[in-house]
Amino acid sequence: MSKKESYKFPTPTNPIAELIKRRRLQVLVHSCIYYALDDNIVPDHIFDGWARELEQLMKDHPDAYSDRFDYAFEEWDSSSGFNLPNRDPWILNKAQWLLKNR
């Protein structure tokens, strides 16, 4: 996927799936900001809460939500976002946009 390509994420109608989607995107983008861009816009305790909640949601509802980043969360746990695809063009663009517009 090039920088100019866009990706349309699934739009869940189930509240659990919507929350999983939101938390996954938050964890992906904020991991990029922290690990790839060496910055931070949310306190660590907030990120840690999102990550723990996401880990539990995915454990409790393994088939509730799916998108192109499924592979990144297959063996992920909430201990770190370091090994997530922090240089993916879509994630990197969103992270840079957030930093620019904070």
Protein backbone atom coordinates (compact mmCIF):
# COMPACT_ATOMS: atom_id res chain seq x y z
CA MET A 1 0.00 0.00 0.00
CA SER A 2 1.57 3.27 -1.07
CA LYS A 3 1.37 6.50 0.89
CA LYS A 4 -1.34 7.85 -1.42
CA GLU A 5 -3.49 4.73 -1.24
CA SER A 6 -6.27 4.75 1.28
CA TYR A 7 -7.67 1.85 3.18
CA LYS A 8 -11.32 1.58 4.11
CA PHE A 9 -11.63 -0.14 7.46
CA PRO A 10 -14.68 -2.30 8.11
CA THR A 11 -17.53 -0.47 9.84
CA PRO A 12 -18.81 -2.74 12.60
CA THR A 13 -22.36 -2.46 13.81
CA ASN A 14 -21.70 -4.45 16.97
CA PRO A 15 -20.56 -2.22 19.89
CA ILE A 16 -17.88 -4.74 20.96
CA ALA A 17 -16.46 -4.90 17.44
CA GLU A 18 -16.49 -1.10 17.23
CA LEU A 19 -14.58 -0.84 20.51
CA ILE A 20 -12.02 -3.42 19.35
CA LYS A 21 -11.54 -1.47 16.11
CA ARG A 22 -11.11 1.82 18.01
CA ARG A 23 -8.64 0.35 20.50
CA ARG A 24 -6.63 -1.40 17.78
CA LEU A 25 -6.29 1.82 15.80
CA GLN A 26 -5.38 3.78 18.93
CA VAL A 27 -2.73 1.23 19.90
CA LEU A 28 -1.31 1.11 16.36
CA VAL A 29 -1.13 4.86 15.85
CA HIS A 30 0.12 5.75 19.32
CA SER A 31 2.74 2.98 19.17
CA CYS A 32 3.97 4.56 15.95
CA ILE A 33 4.10 7.99 17.58
CA TYR A 34 6.09 6.58 20.49
CA TYR A 35 8.42 4.07 18.83
CA ALA A 36 8.86 5.38 15.28
CA LEU A 37 8.45 9.13 15.75
CA ASP A 38 9.92 9.42 19.27
CA ASP A 39 7.05 11.50 20.60
CA ASN A 40 4.02 11.03 22.80
CA ILE A 41 0.58 12.61 22.94
CA VAL A 42 -1.14 10.37 25.50
CA PRO A 43 0.18 9.52 28.95
CA ASP A 44 1.60 6.02 29.39
CA HIS A 45 -1.14 5.01 31.83
CA ILE A 46 -3.82 5.85 29.23
CA PHE A 47 -2.05 3.84 26.52
CA ASP A 48 -1.52 0.94 28.95
CA GLY A 49 -5.24 0.97 29.79
CA TRP A 50 -6.20 0.88 26.10
CA ALA A 51 -3.75 -1.96 25.49
CA ARG A 52 -4.96 -4.07 28.44
CA GLU A 53 -8.59 -3.49 27.48
CA LEU A 54 -7.86 -4.45 23.87
CA GLU A 55 -6.02 -7.61 24.86
CA GLN A 56 -8.97 -8.72 27.00
CA LEU A 57 -11.56 -7.78 24.36
CA MET A 58 -9.74 -9.78 21.70
CA LYS A 59 -9.43 -12.73 24.06
CA ASP A 60 -13.13 -12.62 24.98
CA HIS A 61 -14.36 -11.93 21.43
CA PRO A 62 -11.77 -13.40 19.02
CA ASP A 63 -13.99 -13.23 15.94
CA ALA A 64 -15.70 -9.90 16.59
CA TYR A 65 -13.52 -7.72 14.35
CA SER A 66 -11.08 -8.21 11.50
CA ASP A 67 -9.08 -5.88 9.24
CA ARG A 68 -5.77 -5.80 7.38
CA PHE A 69 -3.82 -5.57 10.64
CA ASP A 70 -5.03 -8.92 12.02
CA TYR A 71 -1.54 -10.40 11.55
CA ALA A 72 -0.06 -7.80 13.92
CA PHE A 73 -2.37 -8.82 16.75
CA GLU A 74 -2.14 -12.63 16.38
CA GLU A 75 0.32 -13.09 19.24
CA TRP A 76 0.32 -9.54 20.59
CA ASP A 77 -0.13 -8.84 24.27
CA SER A 78 -0.59 -5.54 26.00
CA SER A 79 2.98 -5.33 27.30
CA SER A 80 4.28 -3.28 24.36
CA GLY A 81 3.49 -1.81 20.97
CA PHE A 82 7.12 -2.08 19.84
CA ASN A 83 6.58 -5.02 17.48
CA LEU A 84 3.47 -3.61 15.82
CA PRO A 85 3.79 -2.34 12.21
CA ASN A 86 4.86 1.15 13.29
CA ARG A 87 6.23 2.07 9.85
CA ASP A 88 3.16 1.02 7.87
CA PRO A 89 2.29 3.96 5.57
CA TRP A 90 -1.33 4.20 6.72
CA ILE A 91 -0.34 4.18 10.41
CA LEU A 92 2.57 6.55 9.87
CA ASN A 93 0.36 9.05 8.01
CA LYS A 94 -2.24 9.03 10.79
CA ALA A 95 0.43 9.40 13.46
CA GLN A 96 2.07 12.32 11.66
CA TRP A 97 -1.32 13.98 11.15
CA LEU A 98 -2.11 13.68 14.87
CA LEU A 99 1.24 15.18 15.85
CA LYS A 100 0.81 18.04 13.41
CA ASN A 101 -2.73 18.79 14.57
CA ARG A 102 -2.45 18.33 18.31
